[in-house]
Amino acid sequence: MIERIISPRLADIVEAIERIHRVLDGVPLEAFEHDWEKRWLVERGIEVISEASRHLTDDIKTRQAHIPWAKVAGIGNVLRHAYDHVAPDVLWKLAQDDLPELEKVCRAELDAAERREGR
């Protein structure tokens, strides 16, 4: 069986999280709620994370079972199809509370994948 090269997808997730954190650095929730550009950028970053997560292997998802992978993938559908019902505070909470652990996991998996892939 041919092993898929997954490091680009993991790198996409890490990069999107870094960009989200950069956009939100020092920005309180109230300011975020009133800044459509920041909300737009955070939504796009979460869409990238969602889509990239769909291409990760079952091995990664099993090893990192504490990450709610179905929810990570599913949030993209919410942003694409119910975009008019997404509350800024939900995006904020996700970015502040959930993305740091996802970033940690994806960085570790990216390091391991790059070693396996000989990079």
PDB file of N, CA and C in Angstrom:
ATOM      1  N   MET A   1       0.840  -1.181   0.000  1.00  0.00           N
ATOM      2  CA  MET A   1       0.000   0.000   0.000  1.00  0.00           C
ATOM      3  C   MET A   1       0.887   1.247   0.000  1.00  0.00           C
ATOM      4  N   ILE A   2       0.538   2.228  -0.788  1.00  0.00           N
ATOM      5  CA  ILE A   2       1.294   3.475  -0.876  1.00  0.00           C
ATOM      6  C   ILE A   2       0.829   4.411   0.232  1.00  0.00           C
ATOM      7  N   GLU A   3       1.805   4.929   0.992  1.00  0.00           N
ATOM      8  CA  GLU A   3       1.474   5.859   2.075  1.00  0.00           C
ATOM      9  C   GLU A   3       1.261   7.253   1.493  1.00  0.00           C
ATOM     10  N   ARG A   4       0.187   7.880   1.882  1.00  0.00           N
ATOM     11  CA  ARG A   4      -0.083   9.243   1.436  1.00  0.00           C
ATOM     12  C   ARG A   4       0.875  10.211   2.101  1.00  0.00           C
ATOM     13  N   ILE A   5       1.273  11.213   1.358  1.00  0.00           N
ATOM     14  CA  ILE A   5       2.082  12.274   1.947  1.00  0.00           C
ATOM     15  C   ILE A   5       1.106  13.282   2.543  1.00  0.00           C
ATOM     16  N   ILE A   6       1.106  13.356   3.864  1.00  0.00           N
ATOM     17  CA  ILE A   6       0.120  14.198   4.552  1.00  0.00           C
ATOM     18  C   ILE A   6       0.708  15.480   5.115  1.00  0.00           C
ATOM     19  N   SER A   7       2.024  15.611   5.030  1.00  0.00           N
ATOM     20  CA  SER A   7       2.630  16.801   5.632  1.00  0.00           C
ATOM     21  C   SER A   7       2.084  18.112   5.054  1.00  0.00           C
ATOM     22  N   PRO A   8       1.765  18.211   3.753  1.00  0.00           N
ATOM     23  CA  PRO A   8       1.207  19.491   3.272  1.00  0.00           C
ATOM     24  C   PRO A   8      -0.122  19.853   3.942  1.00  0.00           C
ATOM     25  N   ARG A   9      -0.962  18.873   4.214  1.00  0.00           N
ATOM     26  CA  ARG A   9      -2.251  19.149   4.867  1.00  0.00           C
ATOM     27  C   ARG A   9      -2.046  19.576   6.315  1.00  0.00           C
ATOM     28  N   LEU A  10      -1.138  18.904   7.003  1.00  0.00           N
ATOM     29  CA  LEU A  10      -0.831  19.292   8.381  1.00  0.00           C
ATOM     30  C   LEU A  10      -0.232  20.699   8.408  1.00  0.00           C
ATOM     31  N   ALA A  11       0.635  20.984   7.450  1.00  0.00           N
ATOM     32  CA  ALA A  11       1.237  22.322   7.370  1.00  0.00           C
ATOM     33  C   ALA A  11       0.174  23.379   7.099  1.00  0.00           C
ATOM     34  N   ASP A  12      -0.812  23.058   6.283  1.00  0.00           N
ATOM     35  CA  ASP A  12      -1.910  23.995   6.016  1.00  0.00           C
ATOM     36  C   ASP A  12      -2.679  24.312   7.295  1.00  0.00           C
ATOM     37  N   ILE A  13      -2.919  23.292   8.107  1.00  0.00           N
ATOM     38  CA  ILE A  13      -3.642  23.497   9.363  1.00  0.00           C
ATOM     39  C   ILE A  13      -2.826  24.387  10.302  1.00  0.00           C
ATOM     40  N   VAL A  14      -1.557  24.065  10.462  1.00  0.00           N
ATOM     41  CA  VAL A  14      -0.693  24.845  11.353  1.00  0.00           C
ATOM     42  C   VAL A  14      -0.611  26.293  10.864  1.00  0.00           C
ATOM     43  N   GLU A  15      -0.421  26.480   9.581  1.00  0.00           N
ATOM     44  CA  GLU A  15      -0.320  27.837   9.035  1.00  0.00           C
ATOM     45  C   GLU A  15      -1.619  28.620   9.234  1.00  0.00           C
ATOM     46  N   ALA A  16      -2.751  27.985   9.010  1.00  0.00           N
ATOM     47  CA  ALA A  16      -4.036  28.664   9.205  1.00  0.00           C
ATOM     48  C   ALA A  16      -4.216  29.074  10.663  1.00  0.00           C
ATOM     49  N   ILE A  17      -3.838  28.201  11.583  1.00  0.00           N
ATOM     50  CA  ILE A  17      -3.953  28.541  13.008  1.00  0.00           C
ATOM     51  C   ILE A  17      -3.021  29.697  13.354  1.00  0.00           C
ATOM     52  N   GLU A  18      -1.805  29.664  12.831  1.00  0.00           N
ATOM     53  CA  GLU A  18      -0.872  30.779  13.076  1.00  0.00           C
ATOM     54  C   GLU A  18      -1.463  32.101  12.579  1.00  0.00           C
ATOM     55  N   ARG A  19      -2.059  32.071  11.396  1.00  0.00           N
ATOM     56  CA  ARG A  19      -2.647  33.293  10.836  1.00  0.00           C
ATOM     57  C   ARG A  19      -3.827  33.780  11.665  1.00  0.00           C
ATOM     58  N   ILE A  20      -4.644  32.859  12.125  1.00  0.00           N
ATOM     59  CA  ILE A  20      -5.779  33.228  12.977  1.00  0.00           C
ATOM     60  C   ILE A  20      -5.268  33.882  14.253  1.00  0.00           C
ATOM     61  N   HIS A  21      -4.260  33.283  14.850  1.00  0.00           N
ATOM     62  CA  HIS A  21      -3.718  33.854  16.090  1.00  0.00           C
ATOM     63  C   HIS A  21      -3.113  35.233  15.837  1.00  0.00           C
ATOM     64  N   ARG A  22      -2.472  35.411  14.683  1.00  0.00           N
ATOM     65  CA  ARG A  22      -1.903  36.711  14.342  1.00  0.00           C
ATOM     66  C   ARG A  22      -2.998  37.761  14.199  1.00  0.00           C
ATOM     67  N   VAL A  23      -4.100  37.398  13.559  1.00  0.00           N
ATOM     68  CA  VAL A  23      -5.224  38.318  13.357  1.00  0.00           C
ATOM     69  C   VAL A  23      -5.868  38.695  14.691  1.00  0.00           C
ATOM     70  N   LEU A  24      -5.913  37.745  15.616  1.00  0.00           N
ATOM     71  CA  LEU A  24      -6.598  37.977  16.886  1.00  0.00           C
ATOM     72  C   LEU A  24      -5.686  38.465  18.011  1.00  0.00           C
ATOM     73  N   ASP A  25      -4.400  38.537  17.760  1.00  0.00           N
ATOM     74  CA  ASP A  25      -3.454  38.919  18.802  1.00  0.00           C
ATOM     75  C   ASP A  25      -3.810  40.290  19.384  1.00  0.00           C
ATOM     76  N   GLY A  26      -4.131  40.295  20.670  1.00  0.00           N
ATOM     77  CA  GLY A  26      -4.439  41.539  21.365  1.00  0.00           C
ATOM     78  C   GLY A  26      -5.803  42.128  21.061  1.00  0.00           C
ATOM     79  N   VAL A  27      -6.638  41.400  20.327  1.00  0.00           N
ATOM     80  CA  VAL A  27      -7.966  41.897  19.959  1.00  0.00           C
ATOM     81  C   VAL A  27      -9.001  41.303  20.910  1.00  0.00           C
ATOM     82  N   PRO A  28      -9.656  42.140  21.705  1.00  0.00           N
ATOM     83  CA  PRO A  28     -10.692  41.613  22.608  1.00  0.00           C
ATOM     84  C   PRO A  28     -11.936  41.193  21.828  1.00  0.00           C
ATOM     85  N   LEU A  29     -12.738  40.362  22.453  1.00  0.00           N
ATOM     86  CA  LEU A  29     -13.955  39.847  21.818  1.00  0.00           C
ATOM     87  C   LEU A  29     -14.835  40.969  21.285  1.00  0.00           C
ATOM     88  N   GLU A  30     -15.047  41.989  22.063  1.00  0.00           N
ATOM     89  CA  GLU A  30     -15.932  43.081  21.633  1.00  0.00           C
ATOM     90  C   GLU A  30     -15.436  43.729  20.338  1.00  0.00           C
ATOM     91  N   ALA A  31     -14.138  43.939  20.224  1.00  0.00           N
ATOM     92  CA  ALA A  31     -13.576  44.514  18.995  1.00  0.00           C
ATOM     93  C   ALA A  31     -13.725  43.534  17.839  1.00  0.00           C
ATOM     94  N   PHE A  32     -13.508  42.256  18.107  1.00  0.00           N
ATOM     95  CA  PHE A  32     -13.657  41.223  17.079  1.00  0.00           C
ATOM     96  C   PHE A  32     -15.088  41.193  16.549  1.00  0.00           C
ATOM     97  N   GLU A  33     -16.047  41.303  17.449  1.00  0.00           N
ATOM     98  CA  GLU A  33     -17.457  41.265  17.046  1.00  0.00           C
ATOM     99  C   GLU A  33     -17.804  42.390  16.076  1.00  0.00           C
ATOM    100  N   HIS A  34     -17.112  43.510  16.176  1.00  0.00           N
ATOM    101  CA  HIS A  34     -17.423  44.675  15.347  1.00  0.00           C
ATOM    102  C   HIS A  34     -16.486  44.843  14.158  1.00  0.00           C
ATOM    103  N   ASP A  35     -15.591  43.897  13.940  1.00  0.00           N
ATOM    104  CA  ASP A  35     -14.614  43.993  12.852  1.00  0.00           C
ATOM    105  C   ASP A  35     -14.871  42.886  11.830  1.00  0.00           C
ATOM    106  N   TRP A  36     -15.634  43.213  10.813  1.00  0.00           N
ATOM    107  CA  TRP A  36     -16.010  42.193   9.830  1.00  0.00           C
ATOM    108  C   TRP A  36     -14.790  41.618   9.119  1.00  0.00           C
ATOM    109  N   GLU A  37     -13.742  42.402   8.925  1.00  0.00           N
ATOM    110  CA  GLU A  37     -12.563  41.889   8.230  1.00  0.00           C
ATOM    111  C   GLU A  37     -11.859  40.804   9.042  1.00  0.00           C
ATOM    112  N   LYS A  38     -11.720  41.030  10.316  1.00  0.00           N
ATOM    113  CA  LYS A  38     -11.100  40.013  11.171  1.00  0.00           C
ATOM    114  C   LYS A  38     -11.971  38.756  11.220  1.00  0.00           C
ATOM    115  N   ARG A  39     -13.280  38.950  11.348  1.00  0.00           N
ATOM    116  CA  ARG A  39     -14.186  37.786  11.359  1.00  0.00           C
ATOM    117  C   ARG A  39     -14.063  37.014  10.047  1.00  0.00           C
ATOM    118  N   TRP A  40     -14.002  37.721   8.947  1.00  0.00           N
ATOM    119  CA  TRP A  40     -13.903  37.109   7.617  1.00  0.00           C
ATOM    120  C   TRP A  40     -12.613  36.284   7.523  1.00  0.00           C
ATOM    121  N   LEU A  41     -11.516  36.842   7.977  1.00  0.00           N
ATOM    122  CA  LEU A  41     -10.232  36.144   7.930  1.00  0.00           C
ATOM    123  C   LEU A  41     -10.226  34.910   8.831  1.00  0.00           C
ATOM    124  N   VAL A  42     -10.805  35.035   9.996  1.00  0.00           N
ATOM    125  CA  VAL A  42     -10.872  33.886  10.908  1.00  0.00           C
ATOM    126  C   VAL A  42     -11.749  32.797  10.304  1.00  0.00           C
ATOM    127  N   GLU A  43     -12.874  33.176   9.724  1.00  0.00           N
ATOM    128  CA  GLU A  43     -13.741  32.186   9.077  1.00  0.00           C
ATOM    129  C   GLU A  43     -12.995  31.449   7.969  1.00  0.00           C
ATOM    130  N   ARG A  44     -12.255  32.194   7.150  1.00  0.00           N
ATOM    131  CA  ARG A  44     -11.508  31.554   6.058  1.00  0.00           C
ATOM    132  C   ARG A  44     -10.465  30.593   6.603  1.00  0.00           C
ATOM    133  N   GLY A  45      -9.770  31.005   7.652  1.00  0.00           N
ATOM    134  CA  GLY A  45      -8.780  30.123   8.259  1.00  0.00           C
ATOM    135  C   GLY A  45      -9.404  28.843   8.780  1.00  0.00           C
ATOM    136  N   ILE A  46     -10.559  28.965   9.398  1.00  0.00           N
ATOM    137  CA  ILE A  46     -11.249  27.779   9.925  1.00  0.00           C
ATOM    138  C   ILE A  46     -11.730  26.894   8.777  1.00  0.00           C
ATOM    139  N   GLU A  47     -12.151  27.483   7.670  1.00  0.00           N
ATOM    140  CA  GLU A  47     -12.528  26.679   6.499  1.00  0.00           C
ATOM    141  C   GLU A  47     -11.342  25.866   5.983  1.00  0.00           C
ATOM    142  N   VAL A  48     -10.164  26.490   5.929  1.00  0.00           N
ATOM    143  CA  VAL A  48      -8.956  25.785   5.478  1.00  0.00           C
ATOM    144  C   VAL A  48      -8.647  24.635   6.432  1.00  0.00           C
ATOM    145  N   ILE A  49      -8.705  24.899   7.709  1.00  0.00           N
ATOM    146  CA  ILE A  49      -8.457  23.856   8.716  1.00  0.00           C
ATOM    147  C   ILE A  49      -9.428  22.702   8.526  1.00  0.00           C
ATOM    148  N   SER A  50     -10.694  23.035   8.354  1.00  0.00           N
ATOM    149  CA  SER A  50     -11.723  22.025   8.176  1.00  0.00           C
ATOM    150  C   SER A  50     -11.439  21.145   6.959  1.00  0.00           C
ATOM    151  N   GLU A  51     -11.169  21.784   5.837  1.00  0.00           N
ATOM    152  CA  GLU A  51     -10.935  21.028   4.606  1.00  0.00           C
ATOM    153  C   GLU A  51      -9.667  20.185   4.700  1.00  0.00           C
ATOM    154  N   ALA A  52      -8.598  20.762   5.213  1.00  0.00           N
ATOM    155  CA  ALA A  52      -7.346  20.007   5.331  1.00  0.00           C
ATOM    156  C   ALA A  52      -7.509  18.808   6.259  1.00  0.00           C
ATOM    157  N   SER A  53      -8.299  18.967   7.315  1.00  0.00           N
ATOM    158  CA  SER A  53      -8.491  17.861   8.268  1.00  0.00           C
ATOM    159  C   SER A  53      -9.159  16.662   7.622  1.00  0.00           C
ATOM    160  N   ARG A  54      -9.950  16.907   6.611  1.00  0.00           N
ATOM    161  CA  ARG A  54     -10.648  15.819   5.920  1.00  0.00           C
ATOM    162  C   ARG A  54      -9.685  14.893   5.176  1.00  0.00           C
ATOM    163  N   HIS A  55      -8.473  15.376   4.925  1.00  0.00           N
ATOM    164  CA  HIS A  55      -7.488  14.608   4.162  1.00  0.00           C
ATOM    165  C   HIS A  55      -6.452  13.919   5.047  1.00  0.00           C
ATOM    166  N   LEU A  56      -6.586  14.061   6.351  1.00  0.00           N
ATOM    167  CA  LEU A  56      -5.661  13.385   7.253  1.00  0.00           C
ATOM    168  C   LEU A  56      -5.999  11.903   7.332  1.00  0.00           C
ATOM    169  N   THR A  57      -5.019  11.124   7.662  1.00  0.00           N
ATOM    170  CA  THR A  57      -5.219   9.673   7.707  1.00  0.00           C
ATOM    171  C   THR A  57      -6.001   9.253   8.951  1.00  0.00           C
ATOM    172  N   ASP A  58      -6.605   8.098   8.854  1.00  0.00           N
ATOM    173  CA  ASP A  58      -7.299   7.529  10.007  1.00  0.00           C
ATOM    174  C   ASP A  58      -6.316   7.236  11.138  1.00  0.00           C
ATOM    175  N   ASP A  59      -5.068   6.911  10.795  1.00  0.00           N
ATOM    176  CA  ASP A  59      -4.057   6.660  11.825  1.00  0.00           C
ATOM    177  C   ASP A  59      -3.864   7.888  12.704  1.00  0.00           C
ATOM    178  N   ILE A  60      -3.759   9.047  12.093  1.00  0.00           N
ATOM    179  CA  ILE A  60      -3.593  10.284  12.872  1.00  0.00           C
ATOM    180  C   ILE A  60      -4.818  10.503  13.744  1.00  0.00           C
ATOM    181  N   LYS A  61      -5.975  10.350  13.165  1.00  0.00           N
ATOM    182  CA  LYS A  61      -7.214  10.597  13.913  1.00  0.00           C
ATOM    183  C   LYS A  61      -7.376   9.606  15.066  1.00  0.00           C
ATOM    184  N   THR A  62      -6.891   8.400  14.890  1.00  0.00           N
ATOM    185  CA  THR A  62      -6.952   7.402  15.956  1.00  0.00           C
ATOM    186  C   THR A  62      -5.928   7.730  17.053  1.00  0.00           C
ATOM    187  N   ARG A  63      -4.716   8.080  16.645  1.00  0.00           N
ATOM    188  CA  ARG A  63      -3.674   8.450  17.616  1.00  0.00           C
ATOM    189  C   ARG A  63      -4.075   9.677  18.428  1.00  0.00           C
ATOM    190  N   GLN A  64      -4.764  10.579  17.789  1.00  0.00           N
ATOM    191  CA  GLN A  64      -5.146  11.845  18.423  1.00  0.00           C
ATOM    192  C   GLN A  64      -6.660  11.880  18.632  1.00  0.00           C
ATOM    193  N   ALA A  65      -7.170  10.826  19.216  1.00  0.00           N
ATOM    194  CA  ALA A  65      -8.620  10.653  19.358  1.00  0.00           C
ATOM    195  C   ALA A  65      -9.282  11.698  20.256  1.00  0.00           C
ATOM    196  N   HIS A  66      -8.494  12.411  21.056  1.00  0.00           N
ATOM    197  CA  HIS A  66      -9.077  13.445  21.921  1.00  0.00           C
ATOM    198  C   HIS A  66      -9.483  14.698  21.125  1.00  0.00           C
ATOM    199  N   ILE A  67      -9.044  14.785  19.874  1.00  0.00           N
ATOM    200  CA  ILE A  67      -9.472  15.889  18.998  1.00  0.00           C
ATOM    201  C   ILE A  67     -10.804  15.474  18.364  1.00  0.00           C
ATOM    202  N   PRO A  68     -11.812  16.326  18.423  1.00  0.00           N
ATOM    203  CA  PRO A  68     -13.110  15.974  17.805  1.00  0.00           C
ATOM    204  C   PRO A  68     -13.059  16.178  16.285  1.00  0.00           C
ATOM    205  N   TRP A  69     -12.434  15.229  15.584  1.00  0.00           N
ATOM    206  CA  TRP A  69     -12.173  15.375  14.149  1.00  0.00           C
ATOM    207  C   TRP A  69     -13.438  15.594  13.331  1.00  0.00           C
ATOM    208  N   ALA A  70     -14.525  14.947  13.715  1.00  0.00           N
ATOM    209  CA  ALA A  70     -15.780  15.138  12.965  1.00  0.00           C
ATOM    210  C   ALA A  70     -16.254  16.591  13.077  1.00  0.00           C
ATOM    211  N   LYS A  71     -16.069  17.178  14.239  1.00  0.00           N
ATOM    212  CA  LYS A  71     -16.451  18.581  14.424  1.00  0.00           C
ATOM    213  C   LYS A  71     -15.502  19.514  13.679  1.00  0.00           C
ATOM    214  N   VAL A  72     -14.216  19.167  13.668  1.00  0.00           N
ATOM    215  CA  VAL A  72     -13.243  19.977  12.932  1.00  0.00           C
ATOM    216  C   VAL A  72     -13.629  20.004  11.452  1.00  0.00           C
ATOM    217  N   ALA A  73     -13.956  18.850  10.915  1.00  0.00           N
ATOM    218  CA  ALA A  73     -14.363  18.780   9.509  1.00  0.00           C
ATOM    219  C   ALA A  73     -15.723  19.447   9.299  1.00  0.00           C
ATOM    220  N   GLY A  74     -16.631  19.252  10.233  1.00  0.00           N
ATOM    221  CA  GLY A  74     -17.994  19.744  10.078  1.00  0.00           C
ATOM    222  C   GLY A  74     -18.158  21.245  10.164  1.00  0.00           C
ATOM    223  N   ILE A  75     -17.252  21.925  10.882  1.00  0.00           N
ATOM    224  CA  ILE A  75     -17.397  23.380  11.014  1.00  0.00           C
ATOM    225  C   ILE A  75     -17.297  24.063   9.654  1.00  0.00           C
ATOM    226  N   GLY A  76     -16.554  23.469   8.746  1.00  0.00           N
ATOM    227  CA  GLY A  76     -16.461  24.031   7.389  1.00  0.00           C
ATOM    228  C   GLY A  76     -17.813  24.059   6.699  1.00  0.00           C
ATOM    229  N   ASN A  77     -18.590  23.006   6.885  1.00  0.00           N
ATOM    230  CA  ASN A  77     -19.933  22.971   6.303  1.00  0.00           C
ATOM    231  C   ASN A  77     -20.811  24.065   6.889  1.00  0.00           C
ATOM    232  N   VAL A  78     -20.691  24.270   8.182  1.00  0.00           N
ATOM    233  CA  VAL A  78     -21.472  25.330   8.830  1.00  0.00           C
ATOM    234  C   VAL A  78     -21.090  26.689   8.240  1.00  0.00           C
ATOM    235  N   LEU A  79     -19.789  26.929   8.105  1.00  0.00           N
ATOM    236  CA  LEU A  79     -19.341  28.222   7.580  1.00  0.00           C
ATOM    237  C   LEU A  79     -19.737  28.421   6.118  1.00  0.00           C
ATOM    238  N   ARG A  80     -19.778  27.341   5.356  1.00  0.00           N
ATOM    239  CA  ARG A  80     -20.151  27.458   3.941  1.00  0.00           C
ATOM    240  C   ARG A  80     -21.653  27.546   3.732  1.00  0.00           C
ATOM    241  N   HIS A  81     -22.412  26.813   4.523  1.00  0.00           N
ATOM    242  CA  HIS A  81     -23.848  26.696   4.242  1.00  0.00           C
ATOM    243  C   HIS A  81     -24.749  27.460   5.200  1.00  0.00           C
ATOM    244  N   ALA A  82     -24.233  27.772   6.377  1.00  0.00           N
ATOM    245  CA  ALA A  82     -25.040  28.523   7.348  1.00  0.00           C
ATOM    246  C   ALA A  82     -24.261  29.751   7.814  1.00  0.00           C
ATOM    247  N   TYR A  83     -23.520  30.321   6.883  1.00  0.00           N
ATOM    248  CA  TYR A  83     -22.631  31.445   7.199  1.00  0.00           C
ATOM    249  C   TYR A  83     -23.350  32.612   7.856  1.00  0.00           C
ATOM    250  N   ASP A  84     -24.613  32.771   7.556  1.00  0.00           N
ATOM    251  CA  ASP A  84     -25.365  33.897   8.106  1.00  0.00           C
ATOM    252  C   ASP A  84     -25.821  33.649   9.547  1.00  0.00           C
ATOM    253  N   HIS A  85     -25.539  32.461  10.068  1.00  0.00           N
ATOM    254  CA  HIS A  85     -25.937  32.129  11.438  1.00  0.00           C
ATOM    255  C   HIS A  85     -24.742  31.908  12.367  1.00  0.00           C
ATOM    256  N   VAL A  86     -23.546  32.232  11.886  1.00  0.00           N
ATOM    257  CA  VAL A  86     -22.352  32.014  12.696  1.00  0.00           C
ATOM    258  C   VAL A  86     -22.134  33.225  13.596  1.00  0.00           C
ATOM    259  N   ALA A  87     -22.152  32.982  14.888  1.00  0.00           N
ATOM    260  CA  ALA A  87     -21.988  34.062  15.862  1.00  0.00           C
ATOM    261  C   ALA A  87     -20.500  34.343  16.077  1.00  0.00           C
ATOM    262  N   PRO A  88     -20.126  35.614  16.089  1.00  0.00           N
ATOM    263  CA  PRO A  88     -18.715  35.956  16.295  1.00  0.00           C
ATOM    264  C   PRO A  88     -18.133  35.376  17.583  1.00  0.00           C
ATOM    265  N   ASP A  89     -18.926  35.312  18.648  1.00  0.00           N
ATOM    266  CA  ASP A  89     -18.391  34.789  19.902  1.00  0.00           C
ATOM    267  C   ASP A  89     -18.081  33.293  19.807  1.00  0.00           C
ATOM    268  N   VAL A  90     -18.777  32.589  18.930  1.00  0.00           N
ATOM    269  CA  VAL A  90     -18.488  31.165  18.726  1.00  0.00           C
ATOM    270  C   VAL A  90     -17.135  31.021  18.024  1.00  0.00           C
ATOM    271  N   LEU A  91     -16.909  31.844  17.006  1.00  0.00           N
ATOM    272  CA  LEU A  91     -15.610  31.830  16.324  1.00  0.00           C
ATOM    273  C   LEU A  91     -14.490  32.187  17.298  1.00  0.00           C
ATOM    274  N   TRP A  92     -14.749  33.191  18.105  1.00  0.00           N
ATOM    275  CA  TRP A  92     -13.769  33.644  19.084  1.00  0.00           C
ATOM    276  C   TRP A  92     -13.406  32.521  20.053  1.00  0.00           C
ATOM    277  N   LYS A  93     -14.430  31.870  20.600  1.00  0.00           N
ATOM    278  CA  LYS A  93     -14.198  30.785  21.556  1.00  0.00           C
ATOM    279  C   LYS A  93     -13.420  29.649  20.900  1.00  0.00           C
ATOM    280  N   LEU A  94     -13.798  29.294  19.694  1.00  0.00           N
ATOM    281  CA  LEU A  94     -13.107  28.235  18.977  1.00  0.00           C
ATOM    282  C   LEU A  94     -11.634  28.600  18.800  1.00  0.00           C
ATOM    283  N   ALA A  95     -11.364  29.826  18.382  1.00  0.00           N
ATOM    284  CA  ALA A  95      -9.981  30.260  18.156  1.00  0.00           C
ATOM    285  C   ALA A  95      -9.179  30.290  19.458  1.00  0.00           C
ATOM    286  N   GLN A  96      -9.797  30.760  20.510  1.00  0.00           N
ATOM    287  CA  GLN A  96      -9.089  30.910  21.785  1.00  0.00           C
ATOM    288  C   GLN A  96      -8.934  29.589  22.533  1.00  0.00           C
ATOM    289  N   ASP A  97      -9.968  28.764  22.528  1.00  0.00           N
ATOM    290  CA  ASP A  97      -9.995  27.571  23.381  1.00  0.00           C
ATOM    291  C   ASP A  97      -9.626  26.269  22.662  1.00  0.00           C
ATOM    292  N   ASP A  98     -10.006  26.148  21.398  1.00  0.00           N
ATOM    293  CA  ASP A  98      -9.851  24.865  20.718  1.00  0.00           C
ATOM    294  C   ASP A  98      -8.635  24.786  19.798  1.00  0.00           C
ATOM    295  N   LEU A  99      -8.297  25.894  19.146  1.00  0.00           N
ATOM    296  CA  LEU A  99      -7.210  25.841  18.174  1.00  0.00           C
ATOM    297  C   LEU A  99      -5.830  25.588  18.783  1.00  0.00           C
ATOM    298  N   PRO A 100      -5.528  26.073  19.984  1.00  0.00           N
ATOM    299  CA  PRO A 100      -4.192  25.789  20.521  1.00  0.00           C
ATOM    300  C   PRO A 100      -3.879  24.285  20.638  1.00  0.00           C
ATOM    301  N   GLU A 101      -4.819  23.504  21.096  1.00  0.00           N
ATOM    302  CA  GLU A 101      -4.588  22.053  21.210  1.00  0.00           C
ATOM    303  C   GLU A 101      -4.482  21.417  19.820  1.00  0.00           C
ATOM    304  N   LEU A 102      -5.319  21.844  18.890  1.00  0.00           N
ATOM    305  CA  LEU A 102      -5.242  21.315  17.523  1.00  0.00           C
ATOM    306  C   LEU A 102      -3.882  21.656  16.909  1.00  0.00           C
ATOM    307  N   GLU A 103      -3.411  22.865  17.153  1.00  0.00           N
ATOM    308  CA  GLU A 103      -2.099  23.267  16.627  1.00  0.00           C
ATOM    309  C   GLU A 103      -0.992  22.387  17.219  1.00  0.00           C
ATOM    310  N   LYS A 104      -1.033  22.160  18.504  1.00  0.00           N
ATOM    311  CA  LYS A 104      -0.026  21.331  19.173  1.00  0.00           C
ATOM    312  C   LYS A 104       0.015  19.931  18.560  1.00  0.00           C
ATOM    313  N   VAL A 105      -1.158  19.340  18.397  1.00  0.00           N
ATOM    314  CA  VAL A 105      -1.264  17.993  17.830  1.00  0.00           C
ATOM    315  C   VAL A 105      -0.757  17.976  16.389  1.00  0.00           C
ATOM    316  N   CYS A 106      -1.169  18.947  15.599  1.00  0.00           N
ATOM    317  CA  CYS A 106      -0.780  18.967  14.191  1.00  0.00           C
ATOM    318  C   CYS A 106       0.705  19.244  14.019  1.00  0.00           C
ATOM    319  N   ARG A 107       1.279  20.067  14.878  1.00  0.00           N
ATOM    320  CA  ARG A 107       2.737  20.290  14.828  1.00  0.00           C
ATOM    321  C   ARG A 107       3.498  18.992  15.122  1.00  0.00           C
ATOM    322  N   ALA A 108       3.061  18.272  16.124  1.00  0.00           N
ATOM    323  CA  ALA A 108       3.713  17.001  16.470  1.00  0.00           C
ATOM    324  C   ALA A 108       3.577  15.992  15.333  1.00  0.00           C
ATOM    325  N   GLU A 109       2.388  15.900  14.764  1.00  0.00           N
ATOM    326  CA  GLU A 109       2.168  14.970  13.657  1.00  0.00           C
ATOM    327  C   GLU A 109       2.946  15.412  12.411  1.00  0.00           C
ATOM    328  N   LEU A 110       3.058  16.720  12.194  1.00  0.00           N
ATOM    329  CA  LEU A 110       3.820  17.238  11.057  1.00  0.00           C
ATOM    330  C   LEU A 110       5.296  16.889  11.210  1.00  0.00           C
ATOM    331  N   ASP A 111       5.831  17.080  12.396  1.00  0.00           N
ATOM    332  CA  ASP A 111       7.237  16.708  12.636  1.00  0.00           C
ATOM    333  C   ASP A 111       7.454  15.231  12.352  1.00  0.00           C
ATOM    334  N   ALA A 112       6.567  14.390  12.845  1.00  0.00           N
ATOM    335  CA  ALA A 112       6.697  12.946  12.631  1.00  0.00           C
ATOM    336  C   ALA A 112       6.553  12.588  11.151  1.00  0.00           C
ATOM    337  N   ALA A 113       5.606  13.215  10.485  1.00  0.00           N
ATOM    338  CA  ALA A 113       5.376  12.931   9.058  1.00  0.00           C
ATOM    339  C   ALA A 113       6.582  13.347   8.225  1.00  0.00           C
ATOM    340  N   GLU A 114       7.141  14.502   8.541  1.00  0.00           N
ATOM    341  CA  GLU A 114       8.311  14.958   7.782  1.00  0.00           C
ATOM    342  C   GLU A 114       9.501  14.039   7.994  1.00  0.00           C
ATOM    343  N   ARG A 115       9.658  13.497   9.188  1.00  0.00           N
ATOM    344  CA  ARG A 115      10.736  12.527   9.426  1.00  0.00           C
ATOM    345  C   ARG A 115      10.501  11.257   8.601  1.00  0.00           C
ATOM    346  N   ARG A 116       9.250  10.783   8.591  1.00  0.00           N
ATOM    347  CA  ARG A 116       8.930   9.573   7.795  1.00  0.00           C
ATOM    348  C   ARG A 116       9.110   9.819   6.300  1.00  0.00           C
ATOM    349  N   GLU A 117       8.756  11.025   5.873  1.00  0.00           N
ATOM    350  CA  GLU A 117       8.810  11.357   4.450  1.00  0.00           C
ATOM    351  C   GLU A 117      10.220  11.774   4.006  1.00  0.00           C
ATOM    352  N   GLY A 118      11.151  11.814   4.965  1.00  0.00           N
ATOM    353  CA  GLY A 118      12.534  12.125   4.643  1.00  0.00           C
ATOM    354  C   GLY A 118      12.792  13.578   4.339  1.00  0.00           C
ATOM    355  N   ARG A 119      12.042  14.470   4.985  1.00  0.00           N
ATOM    356  CA  ARG A 119      12.224  15.911   4.727  1.00  0.00           C
ATOM    357  C   ARG A 119      13.119  16.527   5.752  1.00  0.00           C
TER     358      ARG A 119
END
